[in-house]
């Protein structure tokens, strides 16, 4: 089972890039389209390991949002369907 998304403050080598808080969630990066992410308040950009927001409040709201919850449910459902198909082929 996937771990819960973590919110970390950006620092160090990323200080010159826009955005201050990273929500570490590979599932969000892979499953949620960029167009849908752009509609979320405070969204700045994505990385390979998460989604970056301008404030901690916006990052926390994203973690609690239905968008992330729906993406998680869709990913679990698609994995279950895929494993069911693989079992049928055996």
N, C-alpha and C. Protein backbone atom coordinates (compact mmCIF):
# COMPACT_ATOMS: atom_id res chain seq x y z
N UNK A 1 0.83 -1.17 0.00
CA UNK A 1 0.00 0.00 0.00
C UNK A 1 0.88 1.25 0.00
N UNK A 2 0.48 2.24 -0.72
CA UNK A 2 1.25 3.47 -0.82
C UNK A 2 1.22 4.23 0.50
N UNK A 3 2.29 4.94 0.76
CA UNK A 3 2.36 5.74 1.97
C UNK A 3 1.60 7.04 1.77
N UNK A 4 1.27 7.69 2.87
CA UNK A 4 0.59 8.97 2.80
C UNK A 4 1.55 10.03 2.27
N UNK A 5 1.03 10.99 1.50
CA UNK A 5 1.90 12.06 0.98
C UNK A 5 2.48 12.89 2.11
N UNK A 6 3.75 13.26 1.99
CA UNK A 6 4.42 14.10 2.97
C UNK A 6 4.63 15.49 2.39
N UNK A 7 4.56 16.48 3.26
CA UNK A 7 4.81 17.85 2.85
C UNK A 7 6.17 18.25 3.41
N UNK A 8 7.07 18.67 2.50
CA UNK A 8 8.39 19.11 2.95
C UNK A 8 8.69 20.47 2.35
N UNK A 9 9.41 21.29 3.10
CA UNK A 9 9.78 22.61 2.62
C UNK A 9 10.98 22.49 1.68
N UNK A 10 10.90 23.21 0.57
CA UNK A 10 11.98 23.19 -0.40
C UNK A 10 13.14 24.04 0.12
N UNK A 11 14.34 23.53 0.00
CA UNK A 11 15.51 24.29 0.43
C UNK A 11 16.73 23.78 -0.33
N UNK A 12 17.85 24.38 -0.08
CA UNK A 12 19.09 23.93 -0.70
C UNK A 12 19.15 24.23 -2.18
N UNK A 13 19.37 23.21 -2.97
CA UNK A 13 19.61 23.41 -4.40
C UNK A 13 18.37 23.88 -5.15
N UNK A 14 17.18 23.76 -4.56
CA UNK A 14 15.96 24.19 -5.23
C UNK A 14 15.52 25.60 -4.83
N UNK A 15 16.33 26.30 -4.07
CA UNK A 15 15.95 27.61 -3.56
C UNK A 15 15.71 28.63 -4.68
N UNK A 16 16.38 28.49 -5.80
CA UNK A 16 16.23 29.46 -6.88
C UNK A 16 15.01 29.19 -7.76
N UNK A 17 14.39 28.03 -7.61
CA UNK A 17 13.23 27.68 -8.44
C UNK A 17 11.94 28.09 -7.73
N UNK A 18 10.87 28.32 -8.50
CA UNK A 18 9.61 28.73 -7.87
C UNK A 18 9.00 27.62 -7.03
N UNK A 19 8.25 28.02 -6.01
CA UNK A 19 7.58 27.06 -5.14
C UNK A 19 8.34 26.85 -3.85
N UNK A 20 7.59 26.65 -2.76
CA UNK A 20 8.24 26.51 -1.46
C UNK A 20 7.98 25.18 -0.78
N UNK A 21 6.88 24.49 -1.14
CA UNK A 21 6.53 23.26 -0.44
C UNK A 21 6.25 22.13 -1.42
N UNK A 22 6.87 20.98 -1.15
CA UNK A 22 6.75 19.80 -2.00
C UNK A 22 5.85 18.78 -1.32
N UNK A 23 4.83 18.32 -2.05
CA UNK A 23 4.01 17.21 -1.58
C UNK A 23 4.58 15.97 -2.26
N UNK A 24 5.26 15.12 -1.48
CA UNK A 24 5.88 13.92 -2.03
C UNK A 24 4.81 12.88 -2.30
N UNK A 25 4.46 12.73 -3.57
CA UNK A 25 3.46 11.75 -3.97
C UNK A 25 3.68 11.42 -5.44
N UNK A 26 4.34 10.31 -5.69
CA UNK A 26 4.58 9.89 -7.07
C UNK A 26 3.26 9.55 -7.73
N UNK A 27 2.32 9.02 -6.95
CA UNK A 27 1.00 8.69 -7.48
C UNK A 27 0.34 9.94 -8.06
N UNK A 28 0.43 11.07 -7.37
CA UNK A 28 -0.17 12.31 -7.86
C UNK A 28 0.47 12.75 -9.17
N UNK A 29 1.77 12.63 -9.26
CA UNK A 29 2.48 13.04 -10.48
C UNK A 29 2.08 12.16 -11.66
N UNK A 30 1.95 10.87 -11.42
CA UNK A 30 1.66 9.93 -12.51
C UNK A 30 0.19 9.90 -12.90
N UNK A 31 -0.71 10.02 -11.93
CA UNK A 31 -2.13 9.79 -12.19
C UNK A 31 -2.94 11.05 -12.49
N UNK A 32 -2.52 12.21 -11.99
CA UNK A 32 -3.28 13.44 -12.18
C UNK A 32 -2.67 14.22 -13.33
N UNK A 33 -3.52 14.62 -14.29
CA UNK A 33 -3.02 15.33 -15.46
C UNK A 33 -2.56 16.74 -15.09
N UNK A 34 -1.67 17.28 -15.90
CA UNK A 34 -1.14 18.62 -15.66
C UNK A 34 -2.25 19.67 -15.74
N UNK A 35 -3.20 19.48 -16.65
CA UNK A 35 -4.31 20.42 -16.78
C UNK A 35 -5.15 20.46 -15.51
N UNK A 36 -5.35 19.30 -14.90
CA UNK A 36 -6.11 19.23 -13.67
C UNK A 36 -5.34 19.85 -12.50
N UNK A 37 -4.02 19.63 -12.47
CA UNK A 37 -3.20 20.22 -11.42
C UNK A 37 -3.17 21.74 -11.51
N UNK A 38 -3.19 22.28 -12.73
CA UNK A 38 -3.16 23.73 -12.91
C UNK A 38 -4.40 24.41 -12.34
N UNK A 39 -5.49 23.69 -12.19
CA UNK A 39 -6.73 24.24 -11.63
C UNK A 39 -6.67 24.34 -10.11
N UNK A 40 -5.73 23.67 -9.47
CA UNK A 40 -5.63 23.65 -8.01
C UNK A 40 -4.95 24.93 -7.53
N UNK A 41 -5.55 25.62 -6.55
CA UNK A 41 -4.95 26.87 -6.05
C UNK A 41 -3.56 26.64 -5.47
N UNK A 42 -2.62 27.49 -5.86
CA UNK A 42 -1.27 27.44 -5.32
C UNK A 42 -0.33 26.49 -6.04
N UNK A 43 -0.82 25.77 -7.05
CA UNK A 43 0.05 24.84 -7.79
C UNK A 43 1.13 25.63 -8.52
N UNK A 44 2.37 25.15 -8.44
CA UNK A 44 3.49 25.81 -9.11
C UNK A 44 4.04 24.93 -10.23
N UNK A 45 4.45 23.70 -9.90
CA UNK A 45 5.03 22.80 -10.89
C UNK A 45 5.09 21.38 -10.32
N UNK A 46 5.51 20.43 -11.17
CA UNK A 46 5.69 19.05 -10.71
C UNK A 46 7.15 18.66 -10.87
N UNK A 47 7.55 17.66 -10.11
CA UNK A 47 8.86 17.05 -10.26
C UNK A 47 8.63 15.56 -10.43
N UNK A 48 9.68 14.79 -10.53
CA UNK A 48 9.52 13.34 -10.67
C UNK A 48 9.03 12.70 -9.38
N UNK A 49 9.18 13.39 -8.26
CA UNK A 49 8.78 12.78 -7.00
C UNK A 49 7.61 13.46 -6.30
N UNK A 50 7.08 14.54 -6.85
CA UNK A 50 5.96 15.19 -6.19
C UNK A 50 5.46 16.43 -6.90
N UNK A 51 4.56 17.13 -6.19
CA UNK A 51 3.91 18.33 -6.70
C UNK A 51 4.33 19.50 -5.79
N UNK A 52 4.67 20.63 -6.40
CA UNK A 52 5.17 21.78 -5.64
C UNK A 52 4.11 22.87 -5.60
N UNK A 53 3.92 23.42 -4.37
CA UNK A 53 2.95 24.48 -4.14
C UNK A 53 3.64 25.70 -3.56
N UNK A 54 2.95 26.85 -3.63
CA UNK A 54 3.54 28.10 -3.15
C UNK A 54 3.49 28.24 -1.63
N UNK A 55 2.44 27.77 -0.98
CA UNK A 55 2.33 27.89 0.48
C UNK A 55 2.03 26.54 1.10
N UNK A 56 2.31 26.43 2.39
CA UNK A 56 2.05 25.18 3.11
C UNK A 56 0.55 24.91 3.20
N UNK A 57 -0.25 25.95 3.34
CA UNK A 57 -1.71 25.79 3.40
C UNK A 57 -2.25 25.17 2.13
N UNK A 58 -1.78 25.65 0.97
CA UNK A 58 -2.22 25.09 -0.30
C UNK A 58 -1.78 23.64 -0.44
N UNK A 59 -0.59 23.33 0.03
CA UNK A 59 -0.10 21.94 -0.01
C UNK A 59 -0.95 21.04 0.87
N UNK A 60 -1.30 21.51 2.08
CA UNK A 60 -2.14 20.73 2.97
C UNK A 60 -3.53 20.54 2.39
N UNK A 61 -4.07 21.56 1.75
CA UNK A 61 -5.38 21.44 1.12
C UNK A 61 -5.36 20.41 0.00
N UNK A 62 -4.26 20.36 -0.74
CA UNK A 62 -4.14 19.36 -1.81
C UNK A 62 -4.11 17.95 -1.25
N UNK A 63 -3.39 17.75 -0.15
CA UNK A 63 -3.30 16.42 0.48
C UNK A 63 -4.68 15.96 0.93
N UNK A 64 -5.51 16.89 1.40
CA UNK A 64 -6.86 16.55 1.87
C UNK A 64 -7.90 16.57 0.77
N UNK A 65 -7.53 16.94 -0.45
CA UNK A 65 -8.49 17.17 -1.53
C UNK A 65 -9.07 15.89 -2.10
N UNK A 66 -10.22 16.06 -2.74
CA UNK A 66 -10.87 14.94 -3.43
C UNK A 66 -10.08 14.54 -4.67
N UNK A 67 -9.36 15.47 -5.26
CA UNK A 67 -8.56 15.17 -6.45
C UNK A 67 -7.54 14.08 -6.16
N UNK A 68 -6.81 14.21 -5.07
CA UNK A 68 -5.81 13.22 -4.71
C UNK A 68 -6.48 11.91 -4.28
N UNK A 69 -7.57 12.02 -3.56
CA UNK A 69 -8.31 10.83 -3.11
C UNK A 69 -8.83 10.03 -4.30
N UNK A 70 -9.40 10.74 -5.29
CA UNK A 70 -9.92 10.07 -6.49
C UNK A 70 -8.81 9.44 -7.31
N UNK A 71 -7.67 10.11 -7.40
CA UNK A 71 -6.53 9.54 -8.14
C UNK A 71 -6.05 8.27 -7.47
N UNK A 72 -6.01 8.27 -6.14
CA UNK A 72 -5.57 7.09 -5.39
C UNK A 72 -6.54 5.93 -5.62
N UNK A 73 -7.84 6.20 -5.55
CA UNK A 73 -8.85 5.16 -5.76
C UNK A 73 -8.79 4.60 -7.18
N UNK A 74 -8.60 5.49 -8.17
CA UNK A 74 -8.51 5.05 -9.56
C UNK A 74 -7.28 4.17 -9.79
N UNK A 75 -6.16 4.54 -9.16
CA UNK A 75 -4.94 3.75 -9.31
C UNK A 75 -5.10 2.37 -8.68
N UNK A 76 -5.72 2.30 -7.52
CA UNK A 76 -5.94 1.02 -6.86
C UNK A 76 -6.88 0.15 -7.68
N UNK A 77 -7.93 0.77 -8.21
CA UNK A 77 -8.90 0.03 -9.02
C UNK A 77 -8.26 -0.52 -10.29
N UNK A 78 -7.44 0.30 -10.96
CA UNK A 78 -6.81 -0.16 -12.20
C UNK A 78 -5.80 -1.28 -11.92
N UNK A 79 -5.11 -1.21 -10.79
CA UNK A 79 -4.17 -2.28 -10.43
C UNK A 79 -4.92 -3.58 -10.14
N UNK A 80 -6.06 -3.46 -9.47
CA UNK A 80 -6.86 -4.65 -9.16
C UNK A 80 -7.40 -5.29 -10.43
N UNK A 81 -7.85 -4.46 -11.35
CA UNK A 81 -8.35 -4.98 -12.62
C UNK A 81 -7.23 -5.65 -13.42
N UNK A 82 -6.06 -5.03 -13.43
CA UNK A 82 -4.92 -5.58 -14.16
C UNK A 82 -4.50 -6.92 -13.57
N UNK A 83 -4.46 -7.01 -12.25
CA UNK A 83 -4.05 -8.28 -11.65
C UNK A 83 -5.11 -9.36 -11.89
N UNK A 84 -6.38 -8.96 -11.96
CA UNK A 84 -7.44 -9.91 -12.28
C UNK A 84 -7.32 -10.46 -13.69
N UNK A 85 -6.96 -9.61 -14.62
CA UNK A 85 -6.75 -10.03 -16.01
C UNK A 85 -5.56 -10.97 -16.09
N UNK A 86 -4.49 -10.65 -15.36
CA UNK A 86 -3.30 -11.50 -15.38
C UNK A 86 -3.62 -12.88 -14.80
N UNK A 87 -4.44 -12.93 -13.78
CA UNK A 87 -4.82 -14.23 -13.20
C UNK A 87 -5.64 -15.05 -14.17
N UNK A 88 -6.50 -14.39 -14.95
CA UNK A 88 -7.34 -15.10 -15.90
C UNK A 88 -6.53 -15.72 -17.03
N UNK A 89 -5.43 -15.10 -17.39
CA UNK A 89 -4.61 -15.59 -18.49
C UNK A 89 -3.82 -16.83 -18.13
N UNK A 90 -3.61 -17.07 -16.83
CA UNK A 90 -2.81 -18.24 -16.41
C UNK A 90 -3.51 -19.54 -16.67
